[in-house]
Amino acid sequence: MIHSLAYSFLSISMLLCNKYLSEHITRTWVLVLFQTMFASVVNIFLVSIGIIPLKHGTRHLIKIFLLSLIFAGMLYTNMNAISNLSVPTLIAFKNAGIALTLYMDWYVNSQIIFKKSVICVFILICSAILSGKHDLDFNIVGLFWVLTNLALQTSFSIFSKQIQQKHEIPPIVLSVFNNVFTCIILSILFVPKCEYCWVSLEEQFLNMESTTKINLVVSAFLGILFGPCTFWCIAKTSPSHVSILGALNKIPLSILSSFIFKTQITRDGWFFIGTNLLSALVYVVDIDAFPGVSTLFGYNRVSSHDTTEEP
């Protein structure tokens, strides 16, 4: 329960901070690169003073680097998908991508997928399509980036579960290596494309308002916590659970955004919130009726030898 609550809190907090920052920072990659660099520097400092031991991860650097490569690709394709598709279209594809995660979790990890998880995902997909039906748009470039992003996102969650299970790498150690490797990869991807990147970054930071600077630092600290928390939640539950939880986080996120940023929730928006609440109810119903069922705030693996029934 604690890991799921922590994941939801940090996820929603980071998204709110990033939403504010996206309105004050012209280049999205600047925000991503700053957050990964900040996390890398802090993590290296914690390692150097002995707070985070890395001995559990040094033997598996190649696999962790591959995981970081997938993660960097996930960030890169997500930014390109955002710039080429409308938000409702992106949400619809993201929710549809949960079905891919459920299937791969079952196929690769032999994870039992209960009927209520499938129903929940079905409602989430229908909710995104129906609430955004007036703003859906499709183009070849946008479809390429979003489909590539879904494949990488699923691969990341499945692969990170396998690494932690097979090699018993602590989430904090996996997060440290992932931050450092991702920072290096993103620097190679983005910096050569901009001749005056570091100059423009410095100028942009110096010209920021104090509120924007505070939000930028807060988002960076949240990112430091969000990395290990995500790996912790995946290790303690399943990739399927974390994917569904991420979609359900849009309920409080939508409501909080309307209050914080003084935006009005449209009729389609309330429909989206209402149907997502219905999917959340489906996901958490009868949590004590069957031992080992995947619920919103916890998960215990059920062996296929114990039962073939679904609640």
C-alpha atoms as a PDB file:
ATOM      1  CA  MET A   1       0.000   0.000   0.000  1.00  0.00           C
ATOM      2  CA  ILE A   2       2.776   2.458   0.941  1.00  0.00           C
ATOM      3  CA  HIS A   3       4.647   1.991  -2.340  1.00  0.00           C
ATOM      4  CA  SER A   4       1.501   2.636  -4.405  1.00  0.00           C
ATOM      5  CA  LEU A   5       0.577   5.729  -2.392  1.00  0.00           C
ATOM      6  CA  ALA A   6       4.140   7.057  -2.669  1.00  0.00           C
ATOM      7  CA  TYR A   7       4.174   6.420  -6.423  1.00  0.00           C
ATOM      8  CA  SER A   8       0.846   8.230  -6.910  1.00  0.00           C
ATOM      9  CA  PHE A   9       1.845  11.204  -4.745  1.00  0.00           C
ATOM     10  CA  LEU A  10       5.210  11.717  -6.466  1.00  0.00           C
ATOM     11  CA  SER A  11       3.764  11.128  -9.936  1.00  0.00           C
ATOM     12  CA  ILE A  12       0.981  13.688  -9.485  1.00  0.00           C
ATOM     13  CA  SER A  13       3.333  16.207  -7.834  1.00  0.00           C
ATOM     14  CA  MET A  14       5.881  15.921 -10.659  1.00  0.00           C
ATOM     15  CA  LEU A  15       3.224  16.286 -13.345  1.00  0.00           C
ATOM     16  CA  LEU A  16       1.826  19.421 -11.673  1.00  0.00           C
ATOM     17  CA  CYS A  17       5.314  20.936 -11.414  1.00  0.00           C
ATOM     18  CA  ASN A  18       6.126  20.038 -15.017  1.00  0.00           C
ATOM     19  CA  LYS A  19       2.832  21.490 -16.226  1.00  0.00           C
ATOM     20  CA  TYR A  20       3.723  24.806 -14.617  1.00  0.00           C
ATOM     21  CA  LEU A  21       7.288  24.695 -15.932  1.00  0.00           C
ATOM     22  CA  SER A  22       6.173  23.817 -19.476  1.00  0.00           C
ATOM     23  CA  GLU A  23       4.419  27.196 -19.618  1.00  0.00           C
ATOM     24  CA  HIS A  24       7.629  29.021 -18.643  1.00  0.00           C
ATOM     25  CA  ILE A  25      10.344  26.966 -20.371  1.00  0.00           C
ATOM     26  CA  THR A  26      10.378  27.109 -24.154  1.00  0.00           C
ATOM     27  CA  ARG A  27      12.191  23.818 -24.796  1.00  0.00           C
ATOM     28  CA  THR A  28      10.849  20.632 -23.213  1.00  0.00           C
ATOM     29  CA  TRP A  29      14.185  18.815 -23.431  1.00  0.00           C
ATOM     30  CA  VAL A  30      15.762  21.534 -21.262  1.00  0.00           C
ATOM     31  CA  LEU A  31      13.497  20.526 -18.380  1.00  0.00           C
ATOM     32  CA  VAL A  32      14.147  16.802 -18.868  1.00  0.00           C
ATOM     33  CA  LEU A  33      17.911  17.257 -19.151  1.00  0.00           C
ATOM     34  CA  PHE A  34      18.062  19.526 -16.091  1.00  0.00           C
ATOM     35  CA  GLN A  35      16.103  17.039 -13.965  1.00  0.00           C
ATOM     36  CA  THR A  36      18.257  14.074 -14.989  1.00  0.00           C
ATOM     37  CA  MET A  37      21.486  16.054 -14.466  1.00  0.00           C
ATOM     38  CA  PHE A  38      20.363  17.281 -11.061  1.00  0.00           C
ATOM     39  CA  ALA A  39      19.381  13.743 -10.006  1.00  0.00           C
ATOM     40  CA  SER A  40      22.694  12.364 -11.279  1.00  0.00           C
ATOM     41  CA  VAL A  41      24.775  14.915  -9.349  1.00  0.00           C
ATOM     42  CA  VAL A  42      22.864  14.355  -6.101  1.00  0.00           C
ATOM     43  CA  ASN A  43      23.005  10.569  -6.496  1.00  0.00           C
ATOM     44  CA  ILE A  44      26.757  10.611  -7.192  1.00  0.00           C
ATOM     45  CA  PHE A  45      27.242  12.735  -4.074  1.00  0.00           C
ATOM     46  CA  LEU A  46      25.198  10.283  -1.955  1.00  0.00           C
ATOM     47  CA  VAL A  47      27.242   7.405  -3.359  1.00  0.00           C
ATOM     48  CA  SER A  48      30.541   9.197  -2.658  1.00  0.00           C
ATOM     49  CA  ILE A  49      29.706   9.691   1.028  1.00  0.00           C
ATOM     50  CA  GLY A  50      28.606   6.069   1.394  1.00  0.00           C
ATOM     51  CA  ILE A  51      24.851   6.537   1.831  1.00  0.00           C
ATOM     52  CA  ILE A  52      24.026   4.534  -1.325  1.00  0.00           C
ATOM     53  CA  PRO A  53      26.125   1.378  -1.843  1.00  0.00           C
ATOM     54  CA  LEU A  54      26.486   0.307  -5.477  1.00  0.00           C
ATOM     55  CA  LYS A  55      28.006  -3.132  -5.013  1.00  0.00           C
ATOM     56  CA  HIS A  56      24.702  -4.837  -5.902  1.00  0.00           C
ATOM     57  CA  GLY A  57      24.585  -3.222  -9.333  1.00  0.00           C
ATOM     58  CA  THR A  58      28.151  -3.068 -10.628  1.00  0.00           C
ATOM     59  CA  ARG A  59      28.061  -6.689 -11.826  1.00  0.00           C
ATOM     60  CA  HIS A  60      25.088  -5.986 -14.090  1.00  0.00           C
ATOM     61  CA  LEU A  61      26.037  -2.671 -15.696  1.00  0.00           C
ATOM     62  CA  ILE A  62      25.373  -3.843 -19.259  1.00  0.00           C
ATOM     63  CA  LYS A  63      21.776  -4.791 -18.491  1.00  0.00           C
ATOM     64  CA  ILE A  64      21.212  -1.592 -16.516  1.00  0.00           C
ATOM     65  CA  PHE A  65      22.661   0.442 -19.403  1.00  0.00           C
ATOM     66  CA  LEU A  66      20.227  -1.277 -21.800  1.00  0.00           C
ATOM     67  CA  LEU A  67      17.391  -0.389 -19.414  1.00  0.00           C
ATOM     68  CA  SER A  68      18.582   3.240 -19.369  1.00  0.00           C
ATOM     69  CA  LEU A  69      18.775   3.247 -23.160  1.00  0.00           C
ATOM     70  CA  ILE A  70      15.137   2.158 -23.278  1.00  0.00           C
ATOM     71  CA  PHE A  71      14.220   4.818 -20.702  1.00  0.00           C
ATOM     72  CA  ALA A  72      15.996   7.587 -22.628  1.00  0.00           C
ATOM     73  CA  GLY A  73      14.259   6.445 -25.802  1.00  0.00           C
ATOM     74  CA  MET A  74      10.958   6.513 -23.916  1.00  0.00           C
ATOM     75  CA  LEU A  75      11.530  10.152 -22.896  1.00  0.00           C
ATOM     76  CA  TYR A  76      12.679  11.158 -26.386  1.00  0.00           C
ATOM     77  CA  THR A  77       9.744   9.526 -28.218  1.00  0.00           C
ATOM     78  CA  ASN A  78       7.271  10.904 -25.665  1.00  0.00           C
ATOM     79  CA  MET A  79       8.462  14.479 -26.326  1.00  0.00           C
ATOM     80  CA  ASN A  80       8.117  13.942 -30.068  1.00  0.00           C
ATOM     81  CA  ALA A  81       4.662  12.389 -29.645  1.00  0.00           C
ATOM     82  CA  ILE A  82       3.509  15.373 -27.547  1.00  0.00           C
ATOM     83  CA  SER A  83       4.673  17.816 -30.229  1.00  0.00           C
ATOM     84  CA  ASN A  84       2.894  15.919 -33.042  1.00  0.00           C
ATOM     85  CA  LEU A  85      -0.399  14.811 -31.451  1.00  0.00           C
ATOM     86  CA  SER A  86      -3.150  16.477 -29.431  1.00  0.00           C
ATOM     87  CA  VAL A  87      -3.360  15.709 -25.710  1.00  0.00           C
ATOM     88  CA  PRO A  88      -6.662  13.718 -26.017  1.00  0.00           C
ATOM     89  CA  THR A  89      -5.128  11.578 -28.780  1.00  0.00           C
ATOM     90  CA  LEU A  90      -2.023  10.986 -26.684  1.00  0.00           C
ATOM     91  CA  ILE A  91      -4.073   9.973 -23.619  1.00  0.00           C
ATOM     92  CA  ALA A  92      -6.165   7.583 -25.729  1.00  0.00           C
ATOM     93  CA  PHE A  93      -3.036   5.850 -27.028  1.00  0.00           C
ATOM     94  CA  LYS A  94      -1.422   5.815 -23.562  1.00  0.00           C
ATOM     95  CA  ASN A  95      -4.484   4.125 -22.082  1.00  0.00           C
ATOM     96  CA  ALA A  96      -4.553   1.650 -24.963  1.00  0.00           C
ATOM     97  CA  GLY A  97      -0.894   0.951 -24.229  1.00  0.00           C
ATOM     98  CA  ILE A  98      -1.864  -0.409 -20.810  1.00  0.00           C
ATOM     99  CA  ALA A  99      -3.465  -3.359 -22.612  1.00  0.00           C
ATOM    100  CA  LEU A 100      -0.076  -4.073 -24.216  1.00  0.00           C
ATOM    101  CA  THR A 101       1.578  -3.986 -20.782  1.00  0.00           C
ATOM    102  CA  LEU A 102      -1.030  -6.382 -19.375  1.00  0.00           C
ATOM    103  CA  TYR A 103      -0.442  -8.820 -22.239  1.00  0.00           C
ATOM    104  CA  MET A 104       3.366  -8.660 -22.018  1.00  0.00           C
ATOM    105  CA  ASP A 105       3.243  -8.973 -18.229  1.00  0.00           C
ATOM    106  CA  TRP A 106       1.231 -12.158 -18.658  1.00  0.00           C
ATOM    107  CA  TYR A 107       3.354 -13.460 -21.548  1.00  0.00           C
ATOM    108  CA  VAL A 108       6.822 -12.643 -20.177  1.00  0.00           C
ATOM    109  CA  ASN A 109       6.364 -12.681 -16.392  1.00  0.00           C
ATOM    110  CA  SER A 110       3.577 -15.306 -16.238  1.00  0.00           C
ATOM    111  CA  GLN A 111       1.559 -12.691 -14.364  1.00  0.00           C
ATOM    112  CA  ILE A 112      -2.076 -13.620 -13.763  1.00  0.00           C
ATOM    113  CA  ILE A 113      -4.341 -10.936 -15.226  1.00  0.00           C
ATOM    114  CA  PHE A 114      -7.762 -10.849 -13.594  1.00  0.00           C
ATOM    115  CA  LYS A 115     -10.962  -9.912 -15.395  1.00  0.00           C
ATOM    116  CA  LYS A 116     -11.393  -6.738 -13.393  1.00  0.00           C
ATOM    117  CA  SER A 117      -8.018  -5.449 -14.650  1.00  0.00           C
ATOM    118  CA  VAL A 118      -9.125  -6.033 -18.246  1.00  0.00           C
ATOM    119  CA  ILE A 119     -12.495  -4.338 -17.611  1.00  0.00           C
ATOM    120  CA  CYS A 120     -10.729  -1.419 -15.918  1.00  0.00           C
ATOM    121  CA  VAL A 121      -8.407  -0.917 -18.899  1.00  0.00           C
ATOM    122  CA  PHE A 122     -11.325  -1.202 -21.337  1.00  0.00           C
ATOM    123  CA  ILE A 123     -13.183   1.565 -19.468  1.00  0.00           C
ATOM    124  CA  LEU A 124     -10.028   3.719 -19.442  1.00  0.00           C
ATOM    125  CA  ILE A 125      -9.606   3.361 -23.213  1.00  0.00           C
ATOM    126  CA  CYS A 126     -13.284   4.127 -23.920  1.00  0.00           C
ATOM    127  CA  SER A 127     -13.151   7.060 -21.499  1.00  0.00           C
ATOM    128  CA  ALA A 128     -10.179   8.645 -23.284  1.00  0.00           C
ATOM    129  CA  ILE A 129     -11.685   8.151 -26.762  1.00  0.00           C
ATOM    130  CA  LEU A 130     -15.206   9.371 -25.923  1.00  0.00           C
ATOM    131  CA  SER A 131     -14.124  12.361 -23.813  1.00  0.00           C
ATOM    132  CA  GLY A 132     -11.636  13.535 -26.441  1.00  0.00           C
ATOM    133  CA  LYS A 133     -13.595  12.591 -29.566  1.00  0.00           C
ATOM    134  CA  HIS A 134     -13.810  16.236 -30.696  1.00  0.00           C
ATOM    135  CA  ASP A 135     -10.047  16.769 -30.476  1.00  0.00           C
ATOM    136  CA  LEU A 136      -8.631  13.483 -31.751  1.00  0.00           C
ATOM    137  CA  ASP A 137      -6.139  13.867 -34.580  1.00  0.00           C
ATOM    138  CA  PHE A 138      -3.988  11.398 -36.479  1.00  0.00           C
ATOM    139  CA  ASN A 139      -0.888  11.785 -38.608  1.00  0.00           C
ATOM    140  CA  ILE A 140       1.814   9.348 -39.670  1.00  0.00           C
ATOM    141  CA  VAL A 141       4.627  11.087 -37.803  1.00  0.00           C
ATOM    142  CA  GLY A 142       2.661  11.360 -34.558  1.00  0.00           C
ATOM    143  CA  LEU A 143       1.492   7.741 -34.787  1.00  0.00           C
ATOM    144  CA  PHE A 144       5.072   6.567 -35.313  1.00  0.00           C
ATOM    145  CA  TRP A 145       6.332   8.390 -32.215  1.00  0.00           C
ATOM    146  CA  VAL A 146       3.462   7.383 -29.936  1.00  0.00           C
ATOM    147  CA  LEU A 147       3.513   3.702 -30.977  1.00  0.00           C
ATOM    148  CA  THR A 148       7.290   3.589 -30.533  1.00  0.00           C
ATOM    149  CA  ASN A 149       6.854   5.216 -27.133  1.00  0.00           C
ATOM    150  CA  LEU A 150       4.283   2.607 -26.065  1.00  0.00           C
ATOM    151  CA  ALA A 151       6.608  -0.227 -27.086  1.00  0.00           C
ATOM    152  CA  LEU A 152       9.523   1.302 -25.158  1.00  0.00           C
ATOM    153  CA  GLN A 153       7.373   2.080 -22.112  1.00  0.00           C
ATOM    154  CA  THR A 154       6.145  -1.510 -21.925  1.00  0.00           C
ATOM    155  CA  SER A 155       9.675  -2.844 -22.448  1.00  0.00           C
ATOM    156  CA  PHE A 156      10.999  -0.600 -19.666  1.00  0.00           C
ATOM    157  CA  SER A 157       8.484  -1.756 -17.057  1.00  0.00           C
ATOM    158  CA  ILE A 158       8.801  -5.449 -17.962  1.00  0.00           C
ATOM    159  CA  PHE A 159      12.618  -5.347 -18.148  1.00  0.00           C
ATOM    160  CA  SER A 160      12.989  -3.433 -14.867  1.00  0.00           C
ATOM    161  CA  LYS A 161      10.820  -6.041 -13.111  1.00  0.00           C
ATOM    162  CA  GLN A 162      12.972  -8.856 -14.473  1.00  0.00           C
ATOM    163  CA  ILE A 163      16.275  -7.187 -13.520  1.00  0.00           C
ATOM    164  CA  GLN A 164      15.157  -6.600  -9.943  1.00  0.00           C
ATOM    165  CA  GLN A 165      13.767 -10.095  -9.539  1.00  0.00           C
ATOM    166  CA  LYS A 166      16.613 -12.005 -11.161  1.00  0.00           C
ATOM    167  CA  HIS A 167      19.599 -10.060  -9.812  1.00  0.00           C
ATOM    168  CA  GLU A 168      18.078  -8.675  -6.570  1.00  0.00           C
ATOM    169  CA  ILE A 169      19.202  -5.120  -7.340  1.00  0.00           C
ATOM    170  CA  PRO A 170      17.705  -2.625  -4.831  1.00  0.00           C
ATOM    171  CA  PRO A 171      15.441   0.030  -6.419  1.00  0.00           C
ATOM    172  CA  ILE A 172      17.644   2.895  -5.171  1.00  0.00           C
ATOM    173  CA  VAL A 173      20.763   1.367  -6.778  1.00  0.00           C
ATOM    174  CA  LEU A 174      18.946   0.731 -10.056  1.00  0.00           C
ATOM    175  CA  SER A 175      17.667   4.315  -9.994  1.00  0.00           C
ATOM    176  CA  VAL A 176      21.166   5.773  -9.458  1.00  0.00           C
ATOM    177  CA  PHE A 177      22.643   3.943 -12.443  1.00  0.00           C
ATOM    178  CA  ASN A 178      19.568   4.696 -14.558  1.00  0.00           C
ATOM    179  CA  ASN A 179      19.827   8.435 -13.803  1.00  0.00           C
ATOM    180  CA  VAL A 180      23.527   8.650 -14.654  1.00  0.00           C
ATOM    181  CA  PHE A 181      23.257   6.585 -17.848  1.00  0.00           C
ATOM    182  CA  THR A 182      20.118   8.441 -18.972  1.00  0.00           C
ATOM    183  CA  CYS A 183      21.817  11.795 -18.384  1.00  0.00           C
ATOM    184  CA  ILE A 184      24.733  10.756 -20.598  1.00  0.00           C
ATOM    185  CA  ILE A 185      22.443   9.415 -23.348  1.00  0.00           C
ATOM    186  CA  LEU A 186      20.197  12.493 -23.370  1.00  0.00           C
ATOM    187  CA  SER A 187      23.221  14.788 -23.486  1.00  0.00           C
ATOM    188  CA  ILE A 188      24.444  12.934 -26.580  1.00  0.00           C
ATOM    189  CA  LEU A 189      20.971  13.108 -28.157  1.00  0.00           C
ATOM    190  CA  PHE A 190      20.131  16.754 -27.544  1.00  0.00           C
ATOM    191  CA  VAL A 191      23.229  18.890 -26.958  1.00  0.00           C
ATOM    192  CA  PRO A 192      24.898  18.376 -30.394  1.00  0.00           C
ATOM    193  CA  LYS A 193      21.681  19.593 -32.053  1.00  0.00           C
ATOM    194  CA  CYS A 194      21.994  23.011 -30.449  1.00  0.00           C
ATOM    195  CA  GLU A 195      25.111  25.065 -31.208  1.00  0.00           C
ATOM    196  CA  TYR A 196      24.582  27.474 -28.334  1.00  0.00           C
ATOM    197  CA  CYS A 197      22.765  25.126 -25.944  1.00  0.00           C
ATOM    198  CA  TRP A 198      24.707  25.845 -22.769  1.00  0.00           C
ATOM    199  CA  VAL A 199      24.628  29.607 -23.367  1.00  0.00           C
ATOM    200  CA  SER A 200      20.870  29.579 -23.967  1.00  0.00           C
ATOM    201  CA  LEU A 201      20.347  27.327 -20.930  1.00  0.00           C
ATOM    202  CA  GLU A 202      22.274  29.721 -18.710  1.00  0.00           C
ATOM    203  CA  GLU A 203      20.432  32.753 -20.065  1.00  0.00           C
ATOM    204  CA  GLN A 204      17.068  31.068 -19.686  1.00  0.00           C
ATOM    205  CA  PHE A 205      17.780  30.059 -16.103  1.00  0.00           C
ATOM    206  CA  LEU A 206      19.051  33.527 -15.124  1.00  0.00           C
ATOM    207  CA  ASN A 207      15.982  35.186 -16.654  1.00  0.00           C
ATOM    208  CA  MET A 208      13.526  32.913 -14.856  1.00  0.00           C
ATOM    209  CA  GLU A 209      11.226  34.311 -12.212  1.00  0.00           C
ATOM    210  CA  SER A 210      11.939  33.168  -8.671  1.00  0.00           C
ATOM    211  CA  THR A 211       8.726  31.079  -8.602  1.00  0.00           C
ATOM    212  CA  THR A 212       9.805  29.237 -11.743  1.00  0.00           C
ATOM    213  CA  LYS A 213      13.269  28.577 -10.294  1.00  0.00           C
ATOM    214  CA  ILE A 214      11.720  27.183  -7.096  1.00  0.00           C
ATOM    215  CA  ASN A 215       9.414  24.906  -9.102  1.00  0.00           C
ATOM    216  CA  LEU A 216      12.362  23.753 -11.198  1.00  0.00           C
ATOM    217  CA  VAL A 217      14.376  22.774  -8.108  1.00  0.00           C
ATOM    218  CA  VAL A 218      11.335  21.150  -6.456  1.00  0.00           C
ATOM    219  CA  SER A 219      10.656  19.114  -9.610  1.00  0.00           C
ATOM    220  CA  ALA A 220      14.306  17.999  -9.632  1.00  0.00           C
ATOM    221  CA  PHE A 221      14.101  16.788  -6.032  1.00  0.00           C
ATOM    222  CA  LEU A 222      10.812  15.042  -6.785  1.00  0.00           C
ATOM    223  CA  GLY A 223      12.561  13.341  -9.712  1.00  0.00           C
ATOM    224  CA  ILE A 224      15.257  12.021  -7.380  1.00  0.00           C
ATOM    225  CA  LEU A 225      12.563  10.366  -5.242  1.00  0.00           C
ATOM    226  CA  PHE A 226      10.322   9.332  -8.133  1.00  0.00           C
ATOM    227  CA  GLY A 227      12.969   7.137  -9.798  1.00  0.00           C
ATOM    228  CA  PRO A 228      13.552   4.680  -6.932  1.00  0.00           C
ATOM    229  CA  CYS A 229       9.874   4.835  -5.980  1.00  0.00           C
ATOM    230  CA  THR A 230       8.859   3.701  -9.479  1.00  0.00           C
ATOM    231  CA  PHE A 231      11.287   0.767  -9.405  1.00  0.00           C
ATOM    232  CA  TRP A 232      10.146  -0.062  -5.855  1.00  0.00           C
ATOM    233  CA  CYS A 233       6.487  -0.079  -6.887  1.00  0.00           C
ATOM    234  CA  ILE A 234       7.201  -2.262  -9.941  1.00  0.00           C
ATOM    235  CA  ALA A 235       9.229  -4.689  -7.793  1.00  0.00           C
ATOM    236  CA  LYS A 236       6.589  -4.928  -5.065  1.00  0.00           C
ATOM    237  CA  THR A 237       3.584  -5.122  -7.398  1.00  0.00           C
ATOM    238  CA  SER A 238       3.718  -5.614 -11.171  1.00  0.00           C
ATOM    239  CA  PRO A 239       4.156  -3.583 -14.374  1.00  0.00           C
ATOM    240  CA  SER A 240       0.419  -4.008 -15.017  1.00  0.00           C
ATOM    241  CA  HIS A 241      -0.497  -2.531 -11.644  1.00  0.00           C
ATOM    242  CA  VAL A 242       1.826   0.459 -12.064  1.00  0.00           C
ATOM    243  CA  SER A 243       0.469   1.164 -15.576  1.00  0.00           C
ATOM    244  CA  ILE A 244      -3.133   1.134 -14.377  1.00  0.00           C
ATOM    245  CA  LEU A 245      -2.225   3.221 -11.338  1.00  0.00           C
ATOM    246  CA  GLY A 246      -0.559   5.787 -13.601  1.00  0.00           C
ATOM    247  CA  ALA A 247      -3.761   6.110 -15.651  1.00  0.00           C
ATOM    248  CA  LEU A 248      -5.943   6.429 -12.545  1.00  0.00           C
ATOM    249  CA  ASN A 249      -3.666   9.214 -11.269  1.00  0.00           C
ATOM    250  CA  LYS A 250      -5.229  11.424 -13.943  1.00  0.00           C
ATOM    251  CA  ILE A 251      -8.354  11.726 -11.768  1.00  0.00           C
ATOM    252  CA  PRO A 252      -6.799  13.794  -8.931  1.00  0.00           C
ATOM    253  CA  LEU A 253      -4.422  15.391 -11.446  1.00  0.00           C
ATOM    254  CA  SER A 254      -7.311  16.795 -13.512  1.00  0.00           C
ATOM    255  CA  ILE A 255      -9.113  18.146 -10.454  1.00  0.00           C
ATOM    256  CA  LEU A 256      -5.996  19.630  -8.830  1.00  0.00           C
ATOM    257  CA  SER A 257      -4.925  21.226 -12.129  1.00  0.00           C
ATOM    258  CA  SER A 258      -8.276  23.003 -12.426  1.00  0.00           C
ATOM    259  CA  PHE A 259      -7.824  24.558  -8.965  1.00  0.00           C
ATOM    260  CA  ILE A 260      -4.099  25.363  -9.184  1.00  0.00           C
ATOM    261  CA  PHE A 261      -4.061  26.705 -12.751  1.00  0.00           C
ATOM    262  CA  LYS A 262      -7.576  28.242 -12.615  1.00  0.00           C
ATOM    263  CA  THR A 263      -8.866  26.244 -15.572  1.00  0.00           C
ATOM    264  CA  GLN A 264     -12.460  25.196 -16.109  1.00  0.00           C
ATOM    265  CA  ILE A 265     -13.266  21.498 -16.480  1.00  0.00           C
ATOM    266  CA  THR A 266     -15.477  21.010 -19.542  1.00  0.00           C
ATOM    267  CA  ARG A 267     -18.358  18.578 -19.852  1.00  0.00           C
ATOM    268  CA  ASP A 268     -16.052  16.148 -21.661  1.00  0.00           C
ATOM    269  CA  GLY A 269     -13.564  16.606 -18.834  1.00  0.00           C
ATOM    270  CA  TRP A 270     -16.125  15.658 -16.193  1.00  0.00           C
ATOM    271  CA  PHE A 271     -17.117  12.660 -18.314  1.00  0.00           C
ATOM    272  CA  PHE A 272     -13.439  11.637 -18.380  1.00  0.00           C
ATOM    273  CA  ILE A 273     -13.145  12.009 -14.584  1.00  0.00           C
ATOM    274  CA  GLY A 274     -16.406  10.158 -13.947  1.00  0.00           C
ATOM    275  CA  THR A 275     -15.587   7.172 -16.165  1.00  0.00           C
ATOM    276  CA  ASN A 276     -12.078   6.985 -14.700  1.00  0.00           C
ATOM    277  CA  LEU A 277     -13.627   6.890 -11.218  1.00  0.00           C
ATOM    278  CA  LEU A 278     -15.784   4.008 -12.437  1.00  0.00           C
ATOM    279  CA  SER A 279     -12.678   2.175 -13.674  1.00  0.00           C
ATOM    280  CA  ALA A 280     -10.996   2.801 -10.291  1.00  0.00           C
ATOM    281  CA  LEU A 281     -14.035   1.340  -8.529  1.00  0.00           C
ATOM    282  CA  VAL A 282     -13.880  -1.737 -10.771  1.00  0.00           C
ATOM    283  CA  TYR A 283     -10.173  -2.122  -9.969  1.00  0.00           C
ATOM    284  CA  VAL A 284     -10.517  -1.959  -6.174  1.00  0.00           C
ATOM    285  CA  VAL A 285     -13.836  -3.767  -5.705  1.00  0.00           C
ATOM    286  CA  ASP A 286     -13.844  -6.878  -3.475  1.00  0.00           C
ATOM    287  CA  ILE A 287     -10.191  -6.466  -2.499  1.00  0.00           C
ATOM    288  CA  ASP A 288     -10.558  -9.010   0.312  1.00  0.00           C
ATOM    289  CA  ALA A 289     -12.713 -11.474  -1.581  1.00  0.00           C
ATOM    290  CA  PHE A 290      -9.776 -13.353  -3.060  1.00  0.00           C
ATOM    291  CA  PRO A 291      -6.258 -13.729  -1.630  1.00  0.00           C
ATOM    292  CA  GLY A 292      -3.582 -12.401  -3.928  1.00  0.00           C
ATOM    293  CA  VAL A 293      -5.784 -10.285  -6.169  1.00  0.00           C
ATOM    294  CA  SER A 294      -4.182  -7.206  -7.728  1.00  0.00           C
ATOM    295  CA  THR A 295      -5.684  -4.125  -6.110  1.00  0.00           C
ATOM    296  CA  LEU A 296      -5.117  -0.407  -6.216  1.00  0.00           C
ATOM    297  CA  PHE A 297      -2.998  -0.397  -3.064  1.00  0.00           C
ATOM    298  CA  GLY A 298      -1.206  -3.708  -3.087  1.00  0.00           C
ATOM    299  CA  TYR A 299      -0.419  -6.912  -4.868  1.00  0.00           C
ATOM    300  CA  ASN A 300       0.472 -10.456  -3.894  1.00  0.00           C
ATOM    301  CA  ARG A 301       1.444 -12.870  -6.627  1.00  0.00           C
ATOM    302  CA  VAL A 302      -0.935 -15.797  -7.085  1.00  0.00           C
ATOM    303  CA  SER A 303       0.556 -18.978  -8.457  1.00  0.00           C
ATOM    304  CA  SER A 304      -1.205 -20.633 -11.377  1.00  0.00           C
ATOM    305  CA  HIS A 305      -1.021 -23.850  -9.358  1.00  0.00           C
ATOM    306  CA  ASP A 306      -3.239 -22.305  -6.683  1.00  0.00           C
ATOM    307  CA  THR A 307      -6.118 -21.304  -8.913  1.00  0.00           C
ATOM    308  CA  THR A 308      -7.220 -20.680 -12.443  1.00  0.00           C
ATOM    309  CA  GLU A 309     -10.261 -18.686 -11.413  1.00  0.00           C
ATOM    310  CA  GLU A 310     -10.540 -14.920 -11.637  1.00  0.00           C
ATOM    311  CA  PRO A 311     -12.536 -12.873  -9.145  1.00  0.00           C
END
